[in-house]
Amino acid sequence: MDTKLTLNIKKRVVNKAKVYAKRQGRSLSDLIENYLMAITSNEVIDEEEFMTQISPEIRELVGIASKVPRDIDYKKEVEDYLVKKYLK
């Protein structure tokens, strides 16, 4: 059963949220309900079981981002790659 809820939120925030929801093809109520469900969920995910449910290609990518140094200069890396690829 759905319950009506009254919230006090700044009009600017509500307007931006409505635009976002419309772009996502969802209602604002649906977005808020899903957000509240996500932050109040106590479900613990078994990582091993989760990994068996995804494709091998995706499993290979898990953790790859943690191998990238935090202080990497992304623009410099792209520039170096493009110079190497097209100018050498």
PDB file of N, CA and C in Angstrom:
ATOM      1  N   MET A   1       0.837  -1.170   0.000  1.00  0.00           N
ATOM      2  CA  MET A   1       0.000   0.000   0.000  1.00  0.00           C
ATOM      3  C   MET A   1       0.890   1.245   0.000  1.00  0.00           C
ATOM      4  N   ASP A   2       0.587   2.172  -0.872  1.00  0.00           N
ATOM      5  CA  ASP A   2       1.344   3.417  -0.933  1.00  0.00           C
ATOM      6  C   ASP A   2       0.879   4.367   0.165  1.00  0.00           C
ATOM      7  N   THR A   3       1.818   5.167   0.664  1.00  0.00           N
ATOM      8  CA  THR A   3       1.529   6.157   1.689  1.00  0.00           C
ATOM      9  C   THR A   3       1.936   7.515   1.169  1.00  0.00           C
ATOM     10  N   LYS A   4       1.093   8.493   1.392  1.00  0.00           N
ATOM     11  CA  LYS A   4       1.405   9.853   0.972  1.00  0.00           C
ATOM     12  C   LYS A   4       2.391  10.459   1.967  1.00  0.00           C
ATOM     13  N   LEU A   5       3.366  11.194   1.459  1.00  0.00           N
ATOM     14  CA  LEU A   5       4.412  11.782   2.296  1.00  0.00           C
ATOM     15  C   LEU A   5       4.575  13.244   1.923  1.00  0.00           C
ATOM     16  N   THR A   6       4.625  14.097   2.899  1.00  0.00           N
ATOM     17  CA  THR A   6       4.836  15.522   2.659  1.00  0.00           C
ATOM     18  C   THR A   6       6.262  15.871   3.063  1.00  0.00           C
ATOM     19  N   LEU A   7       6.988  16.496   2.152  1.00  0.00           N
ATOM     20  CA  LEU A   7       8.365  16.898   2.415  1.00  0.00           C
ATOM     21  C   LEU A   7       8.504  18.398   2.179  1.00  0.00           C
ATOM     22  N   ASN A   8       9.409  19.014   2.898  1.00  0.00           N
ATOM     23  CA  ASN A   8       9.748  20.413   2.663  1.00  0.00           C
ATOM     24  C   ASN A   8      11.113  20.451   2.014  1.00  0.00           C
ATOM     25  N   ILE A   9      11.114  20.766   0.731  1.00  0.00           N
ATOM     26  CA  ILE A   9      12.356  20.800  -0.052  1.00  0.00           C
ATOM     27  C   ILE A   9      12.362  22.097  -0.843  1.00  0.00           C
ATOM     28  N   LYS A  10      13.537  22.691  -0.962  1.00  0.00           N
ATOM     29  CA  LYS A  10      13.651  23.944  -1.707  1.00  0.00           C
ATOM     30  C   LYS A  10      13.117  23.766  -3.127  1.00  0.00           C
ATOM     31  N   LYS A  11      12.369  24.765  -3.577  1.00  0.00           N
ATOM     32  CA  LYS A  11      11.719  24.706  -4.889  1.00  0.00           C
ATOM     33  C   LYS A  11      12.740  24.467  -6.001  1.00  0.00           C
ATOM     34  N   ARG A  12      13.891  25.094  -5.914  1.00  0.00           N
ATOM     35  CA  ARG A  12      14.938  24.944  -6.931  1.00  0.00           C
ATOM     36  C   ARG A  12      15.370  23.485  -7.041  1.00  0.00           C
ATOM     37  N   VAL A  13      15.501  22.821  -5.901  1.00  0.00           N
ATOM     38  CA  VAL A  13      15.909  21.420  -5.871  1.00  0.00           C
ATOM     39  C   VAL A  13      14.819  20.545  -6.481  1.00  0.00           C
ATOM     40  N   VAL A  14      13.561  20.807  -6.121  1.00  0.00           N
ATOM     41  CA  VAL A  14      12.443  20.030  -6.655  1.00  0.00           C
ATOM     42  C   VAL A  14      12.368  20.177  -8.165  1.00  0.00           C
ATOM     43  N   ASN A  15      12.515  21.391  -8.655  1.00  0.00           N
ATOM     44  CA  ASN A  15      12.440  21.617 -10.108  1.00  0.00           C
ATOM     45  C   ASN A  15      13.549  20.876 -10.849  1.00  0.00           C
ATOM     46  N   LYS A  16      14.762  20.921 -10.315  1.00  0.00           N
ATOM     47  CA  LYS A  16      15.870  20.203 -10.943  1.00  0.00           C
ATOM     48  C   LYS A  16      15.635  18.698 -10.895  1.00  0.00           C
ATOM     49  N   ALA A  17      15.097  18.220  -9.775  1.00  0.00           N
ATOM     50  CA  ALA A  17      14.830  16.791  -9.623  1.00  0.00           C
ATOM     51  C   ALA A  17      13.746  16.331 -10.593  1.00  0.00           C
ATOM     52  N   LYS A  18      12.726  17.154 -10.812  1.00  0.00           N
ATOM     53  CA  LYS A  18      11.669  16.810 -11.768  1.00  0.00           C
ATOM     54  C   LYS A  18      12.221  16.699 -13.180  1.00  0.00           C
ATOM     55  N   VAL A  19      13.100  17.610 -13.551  1.00  0.00           N
ATOM     56  CA  VAL A  19      13.723  17.559 -14.878  1.00  0.00           C
ATOM     57  C   VAL A  19      14.556  16.284 -15.013  1.00  0.00           C
ATOM     58  N   TYR A  20      15.324  15.985 -13.983  1.00  0.00           N
ATOM     59  CA  TYR A  20      16.145  14.770 -13.994  1.00  0.00           C
ATOM     60  C   TYR A  20      15.268  13.530 -14.137  1.00  0.00           C
ATOM     61  N   ALA A  21      14.207  13.456 -13.335  1.00  0.00           N
ATOM     62  CA  ALA A  21      13.309  12.297 -13.376  1.00  0.00           C
ATOM     63  C   ALA A  21      12.693  12.138 -14.756  1.00  0.00           C
ATOM     64  N   LYS A  22      12.276  13.233 -15.343  1.00  0.00           N
ATOM     65  CA  LYS A  22      11.667  13.178 -16.681  1.00  0.00           C
ATOM     66  C   LYS A  22      12.661  12.648 -17.707  1.00  0.00           C
ATOM     67  N   ARG A  23      13.913  13.112 -17.619  1.00  0.00           N
ATOM     68  CA  ARG A  23      14.948  12.626 -18.548  1.00  0.00           C
ATOM     69  C   ARG A  23      15.202  11.135 -18.383  1.00  0.00           C
ATOM     70  N   GLN A  24      15.016  10.642 -17.163  1.00  0.00           N
ATOM     71  CA  GLN A  24      15.229   9.220 -16.888  1.00  0.00           C
ATOM     72  C   GLN A  24      13.992   8.389 -17.226  1.00  0.00           C
ATOM     73  N   GLY A  25      12.897   9.063 -17.577  1.00  0.00           N
ATOM     74  CA  GLY A  25      11.656   8.363 -17.887  1.00  0.00           C
ATOM     75  C   GLY A  25      10.997   7.777 -16.645  1.00  0.00           C
ATOM     76  N   ARG A  26      11.192   8.431 -15.511  1.00  0.00           N
ATOM     77  CA  ARG A  26      10.660   7.945 -14.240  1.00  0.00           C
ATOM     78  C   ARG A  26       9.955   9.082 -13.526  1.00  0.00           C
ATOM     79  N   SER A  27       9.172   8.737 -12.529  1.00  0.00           N
ATOM     80  CA  SER A  27       8.521   9.770 -11.726  1.00  0.00           C
ATOM     81  C   SER A  27       9.447  10.174 -10.583  1.00  0.00           C
ATOM     82  N   LEU A  28       9.225  11.354 -10.078  1.00  0.00           N
ATOM     83  CA  LEU A  28      10.017  11.829  -8.950  1.00  0.00           C
ATOM     84  C   LEU A  28       9.759  10.938  -7.730  1.00  0.00           C
ATOM     85  N   SER A  29       8.515  10.528  -7.551  1.00  0.00           N
ATOM     86  CA  SER A  29       8.191   9.622  -6.437  1.00  0.00           C
ATOM     87  C   SER A  29       8.978   8.325  -6.544  1.00  0.00           C
ATOM     88  N   ASP A  30       9.077   7.786  -7.754  1.00  0.00           N
ATOM     89  CA  ASP A  30       9.820   6.541  -7.973  1.00  0.00           C
ATOM     90  C   ASP A  30      11.294   6.720  -7.635  1.00  0.00           C
ATOM     91  N   LEU A  31      11.878   7.830  -8.067  1.00  0.00           N
ATOM     92  CA  LEU A  31      13.288   8.082  -7.756  1.00  0.00           C
ATOM     93  C   LEU A  31      13.516   8.177  -6.251  1.00  0.00           C
ATOM     94  N   ILE A  32      12.652   8.906  -5.577  1.00  0.00           N
ATOM     95  CA  ILE A  32      12.813   9.083  -4.132  1.00  0.00           C
ATOM     96  C   ILE A  32      12.605   7.758  -3.407  1.00  0.00           C
ATOM     97  N   GLU A  33      11.588   7.000  -3.821  1.00  0.00           N
ATOM     98  CA  GLU A  33      11.339   5.706  -3.185  1.00  0.00           C
ATOM     99  C   GLU A  33      12.543   4.778  -3.340  1.00  0.00           C
ATOM    100  N   ASN A  34      13.103   4.715  -4.551  1.00  0.00           N
ATOM    101  CA  ASN A  34      14.264   3.857  -4.780  1.00  0.00           C
ATOM    102  C   ASN A  34      15.483   4.330  -4.004  1.00  0.00           C
ATOM    103  N   TYR A  35      15.655   5.640  -3.894  1.00  0.00           N
ATOM    104  CA  TYR A  35      16.765   6.175  -3.111  1.00  0.00           C
ATOM    105  C   TYR A  35      16.617   5.779  -1.643  1.00  0.00           C
ATOM    106  N   LEU A  36      15.413   5.949  -1.100  1.00  0.00           N
ATOM    107  CA  LEU A  36      15.186   5.596   0.298  1.00  0.00           C
ATOM    108  C   LEU A  36      15.372   4.103   0.534  1.00  0.00           C
ATOM    109  N   MET A  37      14.937   3.286  -0.409  1.00  0.00           N
ATOM    110  CA  MET A  37      15.143   1.839  -0.272  1.00  0.00           C
ATOM    111  C   MET A  37      16.634   1.514  -0.270  1.00  0.00           C
ATOM    112  N   ALA A  38      17.387   2.185  -1.120  1.00  0.00           N
ATOM    113  CA  ALA A  38      18.823   1.908  -1.213  1.00  0.00           C
ATOM    114  C   ALA A  38      19.561   2.282   0.061  1.00  0.00           C
ATOM    115  N   ILE A  39      19.243   3.422   0.624  1.00  0.00           N
ATOM    116  CA  ILE A  39      19.993   3.858   1.810  1.00  0.00           C
ATOM    117  C   ILE A  39      19.543   3.165   3.088  1.00  0.00           C
ATOM    118  N   THR A  40      18.357   2.529   3.063  1.00  0.00           N
ATOM    119  CA  THR A  40      17.887   1.850   4.266  1.00  0.00           C
ATOM    120  C   THR A  40      18.016   0.335   4.168  1.00  0.00           C
ATOM    121  N   SER A  41      18.563  -0.141   3.069  1.00  0.00           N
ATOM    122  CA  SER A  41      18.689  -1.581   2.871  1.00  0.00           C
ATOM    123  C   SER A  41      19.746  -2.150   3.801  1.00  0.00           C
ATOM    124  N   ASN A  42      19.393  -3.221   4.482  1.00  0.00           N
ATOM    125  CA  ASN A  42      20.337  -3.902   5.361  1.00  0.00           C
ATOM    126  C   ASN A  42      20.875  -5.169   4.723  1.00  0.00           C
ATOM    127  N   GLU A  43      20.500  -5.378   3.474  1.00  0.00           N
ATOM    128  CA  GLU A  43      20.900  -6.603   2.792  1.00  0.00           C
ATOM    129  C   GLU A  43      22.407  -6.616   2.558  1.00  0.00           C
ATOM    130  N   VAL A  44      23.030  -7.697   2.974  1.00  0.00           N
ATOM    131  CA  VAL A  44      24.462  -7.864   2.760  1.00  0.00           C
ATOM    132  C   VAL A  44      24.629  -8.716   1.502  1.00  0.00           C
ATOM    133  N   ILE A  45      25.426  -8.238   0.592  1.00  0.00           N
ATOM    134  CA  ILE A  45      25.635  -8.944  -0.668  1.00  0.00           C
ATOM    135  C   ILE A  45      26.822  -9.885  -0.529  1.00  0.00           C
ATOM    136  N   ASP A  46      26.599 -11.143  -0.867  1.00  0.00           N
ATOM    137  CA  ASP A  46      27.662 -12.132  -0.872  1.00  0.00           C
ATOM    138  C   ASP A  46      28.466 -11.917  -2.156  1.00  0.00           C
ATOM    139  N   GLU A  47      29.685 -11.408  -2.005  1.00  0.00           N
ATOM    140  CA  GLU A  47      30.491 -11.046  -3.178  1.00  0.00           C
ATOM    141  C   GLU A  47      30.764 -12.241  -4.087  1.00  0.00           C
ATOM    142  N   GLU A  48      31.019 -13.398  -3.507  1.00  0.00           N
ATOM    143  CA  GLU A  48      31.293 -14.586  -4.312  1.00  0.00           C
ATOM    144  C   GLU A  48      30.083 -14.966  -5.157  1.00  0.00           C
ATOM    145  N   GLU A  49      28.911 -14.947  -4.542  1.00  0.00           N
ATOM    146  CA  GLU A  49      27.681 -15.274  -5.266  1.00  0.00           C
ATOM    147  C   GLU A  49      27.416 -14.237  -6.361  1.00  0.00           C
ATOM    148  N   PHE A  50      27.644 -12.969  -6.031  1.00  0.00           N
ATOM    149  CA  PHE A  50      27.447 -11.897  -6.999  1.00  0.00           C
ATOM    150  C   PHE A  50      28.353 -12.085  -8.210  1.00  0.00           C
ATOM    151  N   MET A  51      29.604 -12.425  -7.973  1.00  0.00           N
ATOM    152  CA  MET A  51      30.561 -12.591  -9.067  1.00  0.00           C
ATOM    153  C   MET A  51      30.171 -13.738 -10.000  1.00  0.00           C
ATOM    154  N   THR A  52      29.515 -14.770  -9.484  1.00  0.00           N
ATOM    155  CA  THR A  52      29.109 -15.883 -10.344  1.00  0.00           C
ATOM    156  C   THR A  52      27.958 -15.495 -11.255  1.00  0.00           C
ATOM    157  N   GLN A  53      27.268 -14.405 -10.937  1.00  0.00           N
ATOM    158  CA  GLN A  53      26.117 -13.983 -11.725  1.00  0.00           C
ATOM    159  C   GLN A  53      26.480 -13.030 -12.862  1.00  0.00           C
ATOM    160  N   ILE A  54      27.719 -12.589 -12.922  1.00  0.00           N
ATOM    161  CA  ILE A  54      28.101 -11.670 -13.994  1.00  0.00           C
ATOM    162  C   ILE A  54      28.999 -12.376 -14.994  1.00  0.00           C
ATOM    163  N   SER A  55      29.068 -11.817 -16.188  1.00  0.00           N
ATOM    164  CA  SER A  55      29.799 -12.467 -17.271  1.00  0.00           C
ATOM    165  C   SER A  55      31.302 -12.477 -16.993  1.00  0.00           C
ATOM    166  N   PRO A  56      32.011 -13.438 -17.576  1.00  0.00           N
ATOM    167  CA  PRO A  56      33.463 -13.516 -17.383  1.00  0.00           C
ATOM    168  C   PRO A  56      34.189 -12.248 -17.847  1.00  0.00           C
ATOM    169  N   GLU A  57      33.674 -11.635 -18.905  1.00  0.00           N
ATOM    170  CA  GLU A  57      34.299 -10.408 -19.412  1.00  0.00           C
ATOM    171  C   GLU A  57      34.255  -9.295 -18.362  1.00  0.00           C
ATOM    172  N   ILE A  58      33.126  -9.166 -17.701  1.00  0.00           N
ATOM    173  CA  ILE A  58      32.984  -8.139 -16.671  1.00  0.00           C
ATOM    174  C   ILE A  58      33.797  -8.506 -15.440  1.00  0.00           C
ATOM    175  N   ARG A  59      33.831  -9.786 -15.083  1.00  0.00           N
ATOM    176  CA  ARG A  59      34.629 -10.228 -13.931  1.00  0.00           C
ATOM    177  C   ARG A  59      36.090  -9.825 -14.086  1.00  0.00           C
ATOM    178  N   GLU A  60      36.601  -9.874 -15.318  1.00  0.00           N
ATOM    179  CA  GLU A  60      37.998  -9.487 -15.560  1.00  0.00           C
ATOM    180  C   GLU A  60      38.234  -8.013 -15.243  1.00  0.00           C
ATOM    181  N   LEU A  61      37.198  -7.204 -15.406  1.00  0.00           N
ATOM    182  CA  LEU A  61      37.346  -5.762 -15.194  1.00  0.00           C
ATOM    183  C   LEU A  61      37.206  -5.346 -13.735  1.00  0.00           C
ATOM    184  N   VAL A  62      36.624  -6.191 -12.906  1.00  0.00           N
ATOM    185  CA  VAL A  62      36.414  -5.844 -11.496  1.00  0.00           C
ATOM    186  C   VAL A  62      37.768  -5.571 -10.837  1.00  0.00           C
ATOM    187  N   GLY A  63      37.866  -4.427 -10.228  1.00  0.00           N
ATOM    188  CA  GLY A  63      39.087  -4.062  -9.522  1.00  0.00           C
ATOM    189  C   GLY A  63      40.122  -3.350 -10.366  1.00  0.00           C
ATOM    190  N   ILE A  64      39.887  -3.247 -11.679  1.00  0.00           N
ATOM    191  CA  ILE A  64      40.893  -2.638 -12.549  1.00  0.00           C
ATOM    192  C   ILE A  64      41.108  -1.162 -12.207  1.00  0.00           C
ATOM    193  N   ALA A  65      40.039  -0.475 -11.798  1.00  0.00           N
ATOM    194  CA  ALA A  65      40.162   0.948 -11.482  1.00  0.00           C
ATOM    195  C   ALA A  65      41.015   1.175 -10.243  1.00  0.00           C
ATOM    196  N   SER A  66      41.047   0.211  -9.341  1.00  0.00           N
ATOM    197  CA  SER A  66      41.845   0.390  -8.130  1.00  0.00           C
ATOM    198  C   SER A  66      43.342   0.312  -8.418  1.00  0.00           C
ATOM    199  N   LYS A  67      43.720  -0.146  -9.609  1.00  0.00           N
ATOM    200  CA  LYS A  67      45.129  -0.245  -9.973  1.00  0.00           C
ATOM    201  C   LYS A  67      45.679   1.054 -10.560  1.00  0.00           C
ATOM    202  N   VAL A  68      44.786   2.005 -10.856  1.00  0.00           N
ATOM    203  CA  VAL A  68      45.200   3.286 -11.425  1.00  0.00           C
ATOM    204  C   VAL A  68      45.639   4.199 -10.286  1.00  0.00           C
ATOM    205  N   PRO A  69      46.844   4.776 -10.383  1.00  0.00           N
ATOM    206  CA  PRO A  69      47.316   5.676  -9.321  1.00  0.00           C
ATOM    207  C   PRO A  69      46.374   6.855  -9.124  1.00  0.00           C
ATOM    208  N   ARG A  70      46.175   7.266  -7.873  1.00  0.00           N
ATOM    209  CA  ARG A  70      45.262   8.373  -7.574  1.00  0.00           C
ATOM    210  C   ARG A  70      45.764   9.709  -8.133  1.00  0.00           C
ATOM    211  N   ASP A  71      47.067   9.863  -8.233  1.00  0.00           N
ATOM    212  CA  ASP A  71      47.619  11.145  -8.662  1.00  0.00           C
ATOM    213  C   ASP A  71      47.884  11.202 -10.164  1.00  0.00           C
ATOM    214  N   ILE A  72      47.237  10.352 -10.927  1.00  0.00           N
ATOM    215  CA  ILE A  72      47.473  10.303 -12.368  1.00  0.00           C
ATOM    216  C   ILE A  72      46.957  11.580 -13.032  1.00  0.00           C
ATOM    217  N   ASP A  73      47.728  12.079 -13.976  1.00  0.00           N
ATOM    218  CA  ASP A  73      47.334  13.243 -14.763  1.00  0.00           C
ATOM    219  C   ASP A  73      46.698  12.704 -16.046  1.00  0.00           C
ATOM    220  N   TYR A  74      45.377  12.575 -16.021  1.00  0.00           N
ATOM    221  CA  TYR A  74      44.641  11.952 -17.121  1.00  0.00           C
ATOM    222  C   TYR A  74      44.905  12.654 -18.455  1.00  0.00           C
ATOM    223  N   LYS A  75      44.856  13.975 -18.456  1.00  0.00           N
ATOM    224  CA  LYS A  75      45.061  14.721 -19.708  1.00  0.00           C
ATOM    225  C   LYS A  75      46.454  14.467 -20.277  1.00  0.00           C
ATOM    226  N   LYS A  76      47.451  14.413 -19.414  1.00  0.00           N
ATOM    227  CA  LYS A  76      48.828  14.148 -19.863  1.00  0.00           C
ATOM    228  C   LYS A  76      48.924  12.734 -20.435  1.00  0.00           C
ATOM    229  N   GLU A  77      48.283  11.775 -19.792  1.00  0.00           N
ATOM    230  CA  GLU A  77      48.305  10.395 -20.283  1.00  0.00           C
ATOM    231  C   GLU A  77      47.667  10.291 -21.668  1.00  0.00           C
ATOM    232  N   VAL A  78      46.536  10.975 -21.851  1.00  0.00           N
ATOM    233  CA  VAL A  78      45.869  10.963 -23.153  1.00  0.00           C
ATOM    234  C   VAL A  78      46.754  11.626 -24.200  1.00  0.00           C
ATOM    235  N   GLU A  79      47.337  12.759 -23.845  1.00  0.00           N
ATOM    236  CA  GLU A  79      48.223  13.470 -24.770  1.00  0.00           C
ATOM    237  C   GLU A  79      49.401  12.578 -25.174  1.00  0.00           C
ATOM    238  N   ASP A  80      50.034  11.950 -24.198  1.00  0.00           N
ATOM    239  CA  ASP A  80      51.165  11.064 -24.493  1.00  0.00           C
ATOM    240  C   ASP A  80      50.751   9.926 -25.418  1.00  0.00           C
ATOM    241  N   TYR A  81      49.579   9.348 -25.157  1.00  0.00           N
ATOM    242  CA  TYR A  81      49.082   8.247 -25.982  1.00  0.00           C
ATOM    243  C   TYR A  81      48.856   8.709 -27.426  1.00  0.00           C
ATOM    244  N   LEU A  82      48.218   9.874 -27.581  1.00  0.00           N
ATOM    245  CA  LEU A  82      47.920  10.368 -28.929  1.00  0.00           C
ATOM    246  C   LEU A  82      49.187  10.750 -29.692  1.00  0.00           C
ATOM    247  N   VAL A  83      50.149  11.338 -28.996  1.00  0.00           N
ATOM    248  CA  VAL A  83      51.426  11.667 -29.630  1.00  0.00           C
ATOM    249  C   VAL A  83      52.108  10.387 -30.106  1.00  0.00           C
ATOM    250  N   LYS A  84      52.128   9.402 -29.242  1.00  0.00           N
ATOM    251  CA  LYS A  84      52.766   8.119 -29.589  1.00  0.00           C
ATOM    252  C   LYS A  84      52.042   7.469 -30.762  1.00  0.00           C
ATOM    253  N   LYS A  85      50.722   7.500 -30.752  1.00  0.00           N
ATOM    254  CA  LYS A  85      49.938   6.834 -31.775  1.00  0.00           C
ATOM    255  C   LYS A  85      50.051   7.528 -33.135  1.00  0.00           C
ATOM    256  N   TYR A  86      49.983   8.869 -33.162  1.00  0.00           N
ATOM    257  CA  TYR A  86      49.888   9.571 -34.441  1.00  0.00           C
ATOM    258  C   TYR A  86      51.163  10.282 -34.895  1.00  0.00           C
ATOM    259  N   LEU A  87      52.098  10.533 -34.007  1.00  0.00           N
ATOM    260  CA  LEU A  87      53.265  11.303 -34.411  1.00  0.00           C
ATOM    261  C   LEU A  87      54.548  10.505 -34.443  1.00  0.00           C
ATOM    262  N   LYS A  88      54.524   9.268 -34.054  1.00  0.00           N
ATOM    263  CA  LYS A  88      55.769   8.489 -34.070  1.00  0.00           C
ATOM    264  C   LYS A  88      55.643   7.317 -34.967  1.00  0.00           C
TER     265      LYS A  88
END
